[in-house]
N, C-alpha and C. Protein backbone atom coordinates (compact mmCIF):
# COMPACT_ATOMS: atom_id res chain seq x y z
N MET A 1 115.37 121.10 -31.89
CA MET A 1 115.35 122.30 -32.70
C MET A 1 116.12 122.05 -33.99
N ARG A 2 115.43 121.87 -35.03
CA ARG A 2 116.04 121.63 -36.33
C ARG A 2 116.57 122.95 -36.89
N SER A 3 117.78 122.94 -37.38
CA SER A 3 118.40 124.13 -37.94
C SER A 3 118.24 124.16 -39.45
N ASP A 4 118.14 125.35 -40.00
CA ASP A 4 118.10 125.54 -41.45
C ASP A 4 119.47 125.88 -42.01
N ALA A 5 120.50 125.84 -41.16
CA ALA A 5 121.86 126.15 -41.60
C ALA A 5 122.28 125.17 -42.69
N THR A 6 123.03 125.67 -43.65
CA THR A 6 123.49 124.81 -44.75
C THR A 6 124.97 124.44 -44.62
N THR A 7 125.68 125.09 -43.71
CA THR A 7 127.08 124.75 -43.45
C THR A 7 127.29 124.60 -41.95
N VAL A 8 128.34 123.88 -41.58
CA VAL A 8 128.66 123.70 -40.17
C VAL A 8 128.99 125.05 -39.54
N ASP A 9 129.76 125.89 -40.24
CA ASP A 9 130.09 127.21 -39.70
C ASP A 9 128.84 128.05 -39.44
N GLU A 10 127.90 127.99 -40.35
CA GLU A 10 126.64 128.71 -40.19
C GLU A 10 125.86 128.17 -38.99
N TYR A 11 125.85 126.87 -38.84
CA TYR A 11 125.18 126.24 -37.71
C TYR A 11 125.80 126.70 -36.40
N LEU A 12 127.12 126.61 -36.31
CA LEU A 12 127.80 127.02 -35.08
C LEU A 12 127.57 128.49 -34.77
N ALA A 13 127.60 129.34 -35.79
CA ALA A 13 127.39 130.78 -35.59
C ALA A 13 125.98 131.09 -35.07
N SER A 14 125.03 130.20 -35.35
CA SER A 14 123.65 130.44 -34.93
C SER A 14 123.40 130.09 -33.45
N LEU A 15 124.37 129.44 -32.82
CA LEU A 15 124.19 128.97 -31.44
C LEU A 15 124.57 130.03 -30.42
N PRO A 16 123.94 130.03 -29.24
CA PRO A 16 124.39 130.90 -28.15
C PRO A 16 125.83 130.55 -27.77
N ASP A 17 126.57 131.50 -27.21
CA ASP A 17 128.00 131.32 -26.93
C ASP A 17 128.30 130.04 -26.16
N ASP A 18 127.56 129.75 -25.09
CA ASP A 18 127.87 128.57 -24.28
C ASP A 18 127.67 127.27 -25.06
N ARG A 19 126.63 127.22 -25.84
CA ARG A 19 126.38 126.02 -26.64
C ARG A 19 127.37 125.92 -27.80
N ARG A 20 127.72 127.06 -28.40
CA ARG A 20 128.71 127.04 -29.48
C ARG A 20 130.03 126.46 -28.97
N LYS A 21 130.43 126.87 -27.77
CA LYS A 21 131.69 126.37 -27.20
C LYS A 21 131.59 124.86 -26.95
N ALA A 22 130.51 124.40 -26.35
CA ALA A 22 130.35 122.98 -26.05
C ALA A 22 130.28 122.15 -27.33
N ILE A 23 129.44 122.54 -28.27
CA ILE A 23 129.30 121.80 -29.52
C ILE A 23 130.63 121.80 -30.28
N SER A 24 131.34 122.91 -30.28
CA SER A 24 132.63 122.98 -30.97
C SER A 24 133.65 122.03 -30.36
N GLU A 25 133.66 121.91 -29.05
CA GLU A 25 134.61 121.00 -28.40
C GLU A 25 134.27 119.54 -28.68
N VAL A 26 132.99 119.20 -28.65
CA VAL A 26 132.59 117.83 -28.96
C VAL A 26 132.89 117.55 -30.44
N ARG A 27 132.65 118.53 -31.29
CA ARG A 27 132.96 118.38 -32.72
C ARG A 27 134.44 118.08 -32.92
N GLU A 28 135.29 118.76 -32.19
CA GLU A 28 136.73 118.54 -32.32
C GLU A 28 137.10 117.11 -31.92
N VAL A 29 136.48 116.60 -30.86
CA VAL A 29 136.71 115.21 -30.44
C VAL A 29 136.25 114.25 -31.54
N ILE A 30 135.11 114.52 -32.11
CA ILE A 30 134.60 113.66 -33.19
C ILE A 30 135.55 113.69 -34.38
N LEU A 31 135.94 114.88 -34.82
CA LEU A 31 136.81 114.98 -35.99
C LEU A 31 138.17 114.33 -35.74
N THR A 32 138.69 114.44 -34.54
CA THR A 32 139.98 113.84 -34.20
C THR A 32 139.91 112.31 -34.24
N ASN A 33 138.77 111.74 -33.89
CA ASN A 33 138.63 110.29 -33.78
C ASN A 33 137.89 109.63 -34.95
N LEU A 34 137.36 110.43 -35.84
CA LEU A 34 136.54 109.91 -36.94
C LEU A 34 137.41 109.12 -37.93
N PRO A 35 137.08 107.84 -38.16
CA PRO A 35 137.84 107.06 -39.14
C PRO A 35 137.74 107.68 -40.55
N ASN A 36 138.75 107.43 -41.35
CA ASN A 36 138.75 107.91 -42.74
C ASN A 36 137.56 107.37 -43.49
N GLY A 37 137.05 108.17 -44.41
CA GLY A 37 135.96 107.74 -45.27
C GLY A 37 134.62 108.36 -44.94
N TYR A 38 134.44 108.80 -43.71
CA TYR A 38 133.22 109.52 -43.35
C TYR A 38 133.39 110.98 -43.73
N GLU A 39 132.27 111.67 -43.94
CA GLU A 39 132.32 113.10 -44.22
C GLU A 39 131.48 113.86 -43.21
N GLU A 40 131.91 115.08 -42.92
CA GLU A 40 131.12 115.97 -42.07
C GLU A 40 130.22 116.79 -42.98
N ALA A 41 128.95 116.93 -42.59
CA ALA A 41 127.98 117.67 -43.40
C ALA A 41 126.86 118.20 -42.51
N MET A 42 126.03 119.01 -43.08
CA MET A 42 124.78 119.41 -42.44
C MET A 42 123.69 118.56 -43.08
N ASN A 43 122.98 117.82 -42.26
CA ASN A 43 121.90 116.99 -42.75
C ASN A 43 120.92 116.80 -41.60
N TRP A 44 119.66 116.70 -41.90
CA TRP A 44 118.61 116.51 -40.90
C TRP A 44 118.63 117.63 -39.84
N GLY A 45 119.08 118.82 -40.23
CA GLY A 45 119.08 119.96 -39.32
C GLY A 45 120.15 119.93 -38.26
N MET A 46 121.19 119.11 -38.45
CA MET A 46 122.28 119.03 -37.47
C MET A 46 123.59 118.70 -38.19
N ILE A 47 124.68 118.76 -37.43
CA ILE A 47 125.97 118.36 -37.97
C ILE A 47 125.98 116.84 -38.01
N THR A 48 126.31 116.28 -39.16
CA THR A 48 126.34 114.83 -39.28
C THR A 48 127.71 114.35 -39.76
N TYR A 49 128.00 113.12 -39.42
CA TYR A 49 129.19 112.43 -39.87
C TYR A 49 128.64 111.20 -40.56
N GLN A 50 128.83 111.13 -41.87
CA GLN A 50 128.06 110.19 -42.67
C GLN A 50 128.92 109.52 -43.73
N VAL A 51 128.38 108.42 -44.23
CA VAL A 51 129.00 107.71 -45.34
C VAL A 51 128.54 108.42 -46.62
N PRO A 52 129.46 108.95 -47.41
CA PRO A 52 129.05 109.65 -48.63
C PRO A 52 128.26 108.74 -49.56
N LEU A 53 127.31 109.31 -50.28
CA LEU A 53 126.53 108.54 -51.23
C LEU A 53 127.41 107.93 -52.32
N GLU A 54 128.54 108.56 -52.63
CA GLU A 54 129.45 108.00 -53.62
C GLU A 54 130.01 106.66 -53.13
N THR A 55 130.15 106.52 -51.82
CA THR A 55 130.66 105.29 -51.22
C THR A 55 129.56 104.24 -51.08
N TYR A 56 128.38 104.69 -50.68
CA TYR A 56 127.28 103.76 -50.45
C TYR A 56 125.96 104.42 -50.86
N PRO A 57 125.56 104.24 -52.13
CA PRO A 57 124.35 104.91 -52.62
C PRO A 57 123.05 104.14 -52.36
N GLU A 58 123.13 102.90 -51.91
CA GLU A 58 121.95 102.04 -51.79
C GLU A 58 121.21 102.21 -50.48
N THR A 59 120.93 103.44 -50.07
CA THR A 59 120.21 103.67 -48.83
C THR A 59 118.70 103.65 -49.08
N TYR A 60 117.94 103.32 -48.05
CA TYR A 60 116.49 103.21 -48.22
C TYR A 60 115.84 104.56 -48.50
N ASN A 61 116.45 105.65 -48.04
CA ASN A 61 115.84 106.97 -48.20
C ASN A 61 116.62 107.88 -49.15
N LYS A 62 117.60 107.33 -49.82
CA LYS A 62 118.44 108.06 -50.78
C LYS A 62 119.25 109.16 -50.11
N GLN A 63 119.42 109.05 -48.79
CA GLN A 63 120.27 109.97 -48.01
C GLN A 63 121.50 109.20 -47.53
N PRO A 64 122.60 109.91 -47.27
CA PRO A 64 123.78 109.22 -46.75
C PRO A 64 123.49 108.51 -45.43
N LEU A 65 124.22 107.42 -45.18
CA LEU A 65 124.10 106.72 -43.90
C LEU A 65 124.73 107.58 -42.82
N MET A 66 123.98 107.91 -41.79
CA MET A 66 124.53 108.72 -40.71
C MET A 66 125.22 107.82 -39.69
N TYR A 67 126.49 108.08 -39.47
CA TYR A 67 127.26 107.34 -38.48
C TYR A 67 127.17 108.03 -37.12
N ALA A 68 127.22 109.36 -37.13
CA ALA A 68 127.15 110.13 -35.89
C ALA A 68 126.55 111.49 -36.21
N GLY A 69 126.10 112.16 -35.18
CA GLY A 69 125.54 113.50 -35.35
C GLY A 69 125.75 114.31 -34.10
N LEU A 70 125.58 115.60 -34.24
CA LEU A 70 125.79 116.53 -33.14
C LEU A 70 124.78 117.66 -33.29
N ALA A 71 124.00 117.91 -32.22
CA ALA A 71 122.93 118.89 -32.33
C ALA A 71 122.70 119.64 -31.03
N SER A 72 122.22 120.85 -31.20
CA SER A 72 121.74 121.65 -30.08
C SER A 72 120.22 121.63 -30.15
N GLN A 73 119.59 121.03 -29.15
CA GLN A 73 118.15 120.93 -29.09
C GLN A 73 117.60 122.01 -28.15
N LYS A 74 116.31 122.05 -27.97
CA LYS A 74 115.69 123.08 -27.13
C LYS A 74 116.19 123.02 -25.69
N ASN A 75 116.17 121.83 -25.08
CA ASN A 75 116.50 121.71 -23.66
C ASN A 75 117.82 121.00 -23.38
N HIS A 76 118.54 120.62 -24.41
CA HIS A 76 119.80 119.90 -24.23
C HIS A 76 120.60 119.92 -25.53
N MET A 77 121.79 119.39 -25.47
CA MET A 77 122.58 119.11 -26.66
C MET A 77 122.64 117.59 -26.77
N ALA A 78 122.96 117.09 -27.96
CA ALA A 78 122.94 115.65 -28.15
C ALA A 78 124.03 115.20 -29.11
N VAL A 79 124.60 114.04 -28.79
CA VAL A 79 125.51 113.34 -29.68
C VAL A 79 124.78 112.08 -30.12
N TYR A 80 124.63 111.93 -31.42
CA TYR A 80 123.98 110.75 -31.99
C TYR A 80 125.08 109.77 -32.37
N LEU A 81 125.03 108.57 -31.85
CA LEU A 81 126.07 107.57 -32.05
C LEU A 81 125.47 106.31 -32.65
N THR A 82 125.22 106.33 -33.93
CA THR A 82 124.57 105.20 -34.60
C THR A 82 125.36 103.92 -34.41
N GLY A 83 126.68 104.01 -34.42
CA GLY A 83 127.51 102.82 -34.26
C GLY A 83 127.30 102.09 -32.95
N VAL A 84 126.93 102.82 -31.92
CA VAL A 84 126.69 102.22 -30.61
C VAL A 84 125.42 101.38 -30.62
N TYR A 85 124.53 101.68 -31.53
CA TYR A 85 123.24 101.01 -31.57
C TYR A 85 123.21 99.82 -32.53
N THR A 86 124.37 99.44 -33.06
CA THR A 86 124.40 98.36 -34.03
C THR A 86 124.22 96.99 -33.40
N SER A 87 124.52 96.88 -32.11
CA SER A 87 124.29 95.60 -31.42
C SER A 87 124.06 95.86 -29.95
N ASP A 88 123.37 94.94 -29.32
CA ASP A 88 123.13 95.07 -27.87
C ASP A 88 124.46 95.06 -27.12
N GLY A 89 125.41 94.27 -27.58
CA GLY A 89 126.72 94.20 -26.93
C GLY A 89 127.47 95.51 -27.02
N ASP A 90 127.45 96.15 -28.20
CA ASP A 90 128.12 97.44 -28.36
C ASP A 90 127.47 98.50 -27.47
N ARG A 91 126.16 98.48 -27.43
CA ARG A 91 125.45 99.45 -26.59
C ARG A 91 125.77 99.23 -25.11
N ALA A 92 125.74 97.99 -24.68
CA ALA A 92 126.02 97.68 -23.27
C ALA A 92 127.45 98.07 -22.90
N ALA A 93 128.39 97.80 -23.77
CA ALA A 93 129.79 98.16 -23.51
C ALA A 93 129.95 99.68 -23.42
N PHE A 94 129.29 100.41 -24.31
CA PHE A 94 129.33 101.87 -24.27
C PHE A 94 128.74 102.38 -22.96
N GLU A 95 127.56 101.87 -22.59
CA GLU A 95 126.90 102.30 -21.36
C GLU A 95 127.77 102.02 -20.14
N GLU A 96 128.41 100.86 -20.11
CA GLU A 96 129.28 100.50 -18.99
C GLU A 96 130.48 101.45 -18.90
N GLU A 97 131.11 101.71 -20.03
CA GLU A 97 132.26 102.61 -20.04
C GLU A 97 131.84 104.03 -19.65
N TYR A 98 130.69 104.46 -20.15
CA TYR A 98 130.19 105.81 -19.82
C TYR A 98 129.96 105.93 -18.32
N ARG A 99 129.27 104.96 -17.74
CA ARG A 99 128.98 105.00 -16.29
C ARG A 99 130.26 104.93 -15.47
N ALA A 100 131.25 104.17 -15.94
CA ALA A 100 132.53 104.06 -15.24
C ALA A 100 133.26 105.40 -15.20
N SER A 101 132.91 106.30 -16.10
CA SER A 101 133.53 107.63 -16.12
C SER A 101 133.05 108.49 -14.95
N GLY A 102 131.96 108.06 -14.30
CA GLY A 102 131.40 108.83 -13.20
C GLY A 102 130.38 109.86 -13.64
N LYS A 103 130.17 109.96 -14.94
CA LYS A 103 129.18 110.91 -15.48
C LYS A 103 127.82 110.23 -15.55
N ARG A 104 126.78 111.03 -15.40
CA ARG A 104 125.41 110.51 -15.48
C ARG A 104 125.04 110.31 -16.95
N LEU A 105 124.63 109.11 -17.29
CA LEU A 105 124.23 108.79 -18.66
C LEU A 105 122.77 109.13 -18.88
N ASP A 106 122.51 109.99 -19.85
CA ASP A 106 121.15 110.33 -20.27
C ASP A 106 121.06 109.94 -21.74
N MET A 107 120.64 108.70 -21.96
CA MET A 107 120.68 108.14 -23.30
C MET A 107 119.28 107.82 -23.78
N GLY A 108 118.96 108.29 -24.97
CA GLY A 108 117.69 107.98 -25.59
C GLY A 108 117.84 106.85 -26.58
N LYS A 109 116.85 106.67 -27.42
CA LYS A 109 116.89 105.61 -28.43
C LYS A 109 117.98 105.85 -29.47
N SER A 110 118.33 107.11 -29.70
CA SER A 110 119.31 107.37 -30.73
C SER A 110 120.38 108.37 -30.33
N CYS A 111 120.39 108.81 -29.09
CA CYS A 111 121.34 109.86 -28.73
C CYS A 111 121.75 109.82 -27.27
N VAL A 112 122.85 110.52 -27.00
CA VAL A 112 123.29 110.80 -25.65
C VAL A 112 123.06 112.29 -25.44
N ARG A 113 122.23 112.60 -24.45
CA ARG A 113 121.88 114.00 -24.18
C ARG A 113 122.79 114.57 -23.10
N PHE A 114 123.13 115.86 -23.23
CA PHE A 114 123.91 116.54 -22.20
C PHE A 114 123.52 118.01 -22.17
N ARG A 115 123.59 118.59 -20.97
CA ARG A 115 123.23 120.01 -20.80
C ARG A 115 124.45 120.92 -20.81
N LYS A 116 125.58 120.39 -20.35
CA LYS A 116 126.82 121.17 -20.39
C LYS A 116 127.97 120.23 -20.71
N LEU A 117 129.06 120.78 -21.18
CA LEU A 117 130.18 119.96 -21.63
C LEU A 117 130.71 119.06 -20.53
N ASP A 118 130.71 119.54 -19.28
CA ASP A 118 131.20 118.73 -18.17
C ASP A 118 130.38 117.46 -17.94
N ASP A 119 129.18 117.38 -18.50
CA ASP A 119 128.33 116.20 -18.35
C ASP A 119 128.76 115.05 -19.26
N LEU A 120 129.66 115.33 -20.19
CA LEU A 120 129.99 114.36 -21.24
C LEU A 120 131.44 113.88 -21.10
N PRO A 121 131.67 112.57 -20.98
CA PRO A 121 133.04 112.04 -20.95
C PRO A 121 133.60 112.01 -22.38
N LEU A 122 134.34 113.04 -22.74
CA LEU A 122 134.80 113.18 -24.12
C LEU A 122 135.67 112.01 -24.58
N ASP A 123 136.44 111.43 -23.68
CA ASP A 123 137.27 110.28 -24.07
C ASP A 123 136.41 109.09 -24.47
N VAL A 124 135.30 108.88 -23.77
CA VAL A 124 134.38 107.78 -24.09
C VAL A 124 133.72 108.04 -25.44
N ILE A 125 133.33 109.28 -25.68
CA ILE A 125 132.73 109.64 -26.96
C ILE A 125 133.74 109.43 -28.08
N GLY A 126 134.97 109.86 -27.86
CA GLY A 126 136.02 109.67 -28.87
C GLY A 126 136.23 108.21 -29.22
N ARG A 127 136.27 107.35 -28.22
CA ARG A 127 136.45 105.92 -28.49
C ARG A 127 135.25 105.33 -29.23
N ALA A 128 134.06 105.80 -28.90
CA ALA A 128 132.87 105.32 -29.61
C ALA A 128 132.91 105.73 -31.08
N ILE A 129 133.37 106.93 -31.35
CA ILE A 129 133.49 107.42 -32.73
C ILE A 129 134.54 106.61 -33.49
N ALA A 130 135.67 106.35 -32.85
CA ALA A 130 136.79 105.66 -33.51
C ALA A 130 136.53 104.18 -33.73
N ALA A 131 135.50 103.63 -33.12
CA ALA A 131 135.29 102.18 -33.06
C ALA A 131 134.90 101.51 -34.37
N CYS A 132 134.41 102.25 -35.34
CA CYS A 132 133.85 101.57 -36.52
C CYS A 132 134.25 102.29 -37.80
N ASP A 133 135.07 101.61 -38.61
CA ASP A 133 135.45 102.19 -39.90
C ASP A 133 134.27 102.10 -40.86
N VAL A 134 134.37 102.80 -41.98
CA VAL A 134 133.27 102.90 -42.93
C VAL A 134 132.83 101.53 -43.44
N ASP A 135 133.77 100.69 -43.85
CA ASP A 135 133.40 99.38 -44.39
C ASP A 135 132.67 98.53 -43.36
N SER A 136 133.14 98.55 -42.12
CA SER A 136 132.47 97.79 -41.06
C SER A 136 131.08 98.33 -40.79
N PHE A 137 130.93 99.66 -40.81
CA PHE A 137 129.63 100.27 -40.57
C PHE A 137 128.64 99.87 -41.67
N ILE A 138 129.09 99.91 -42.92
CA ILE A 138 128.22 99.51 -44.04
C ILE A 138 127.81 98.05 -43.87
N GLU A 139 128.74 97.21 -43.49
CA GLU A 139 128.43 95.80 -43.29
C GLU A 139 127.39 95.62 -42.18
N LEU A 140 127.53 96.37 -41.09
CA LEU A 140 126.55 96.30 -40.00
C LEU A 140 125.17 96.74 -40.47
N VAL A 141 125.13 97.81 -41.26
CA VAL A 141 123.85 98.30 -41.77
C VAL A 141 123.21 97.25 -42.68
N GLU A 142 124.02 96.66 -43.55
CA GLU A 142 123.47 95.65 -44.45
C GLU A 142 122.99 94.42 -43.70
N THR A 143 123.69 94.03 -42.66
CA THR A 143 123.28 92.89 -41.84
C THR A 143 121.97 93.17 -41.12
N ALA A 144 121.78 94.40 -40.71
CA ALA A 144 120.57 94.78 -39.97
C ALA A 144 119.35 94.92 -40.87
N ARG A 145 119.58 95.13 -42.16
CA ARG A 145 118.47 95.29 -43.10
C ARG A 145 117.70 94.01 -43.30
N PRO A 146 116.38 94.12 -43.47
CA PRO A 146 115.62 92.91 -43.81
C PRO A 146 116.08 92.40 -45.17
N ALA A 147 116.07 91.10 -45.35
CA ALA A 147 116.46 90.52 -46.63
C ALA A 147 115.55 91.01 -47.74
N LYS A 148 116.15 91.29 -48.89
CA LYS A 148 115.35 91.73 -50.03
C LYS A 148 114.59 90.53 -50.60
N ARG A 149 113.38 90.79 -50.98
CA ARG A 149 112.57 89.71 -51.57
C ARG A 149 113.05 89.46 -52.99
N SER A 150 113.13 88.20 -53.33
CA SER A 150 113.60 87.84 -54.66
C SER A 150 112.49 87.89 -55.72
N GLY A 151 111.28 87.84 -55.29
CA GLY A 151 110.19 87.87 -56.25
C GLY A 151 109.04 88.70 -55.73
N LYS A 152 108.07 88.94 -56.56
CA LYS A 152 106.90 89.72 -56.16
C LYS A 152 105.90 88.79 -55.48
N GLY A 153 105.20 89.35 -54.54
CA GLY A 153 104.22 88.46 -54.04
C GLY A 153 103.63 88.76 -52.79
């Protein structure tokens, strides 16, 4: 469910009470652990934690690089953890730590889904958020990009 909210407060106010409480608590964990240099914004219909365009303007879509996101979807809530997907090793380590928490992992290609706050190991999410500073994230993104062609052809 994509939101048309233009501010985080507006987004939170639009949620049902139970989801507002859960999303707000996860947001607090993200903000507490978010390395300096990222900004919180509304983008792509959800709360995002992104590299400002002033820091890194060379994106393929002219939008800020999203490091993490938080959304209330139709049938679940989701935490988007782009940093976890930067390498197979990072993803495997995250999955192992998540499972060791005793919580059931419901992970898609780009997100961790949860139906209630108790389903989410907040300490694991916090460590995943804290794991990558802005400069390292930009370097990972640039490494993952296909090499630019030097000539036409």
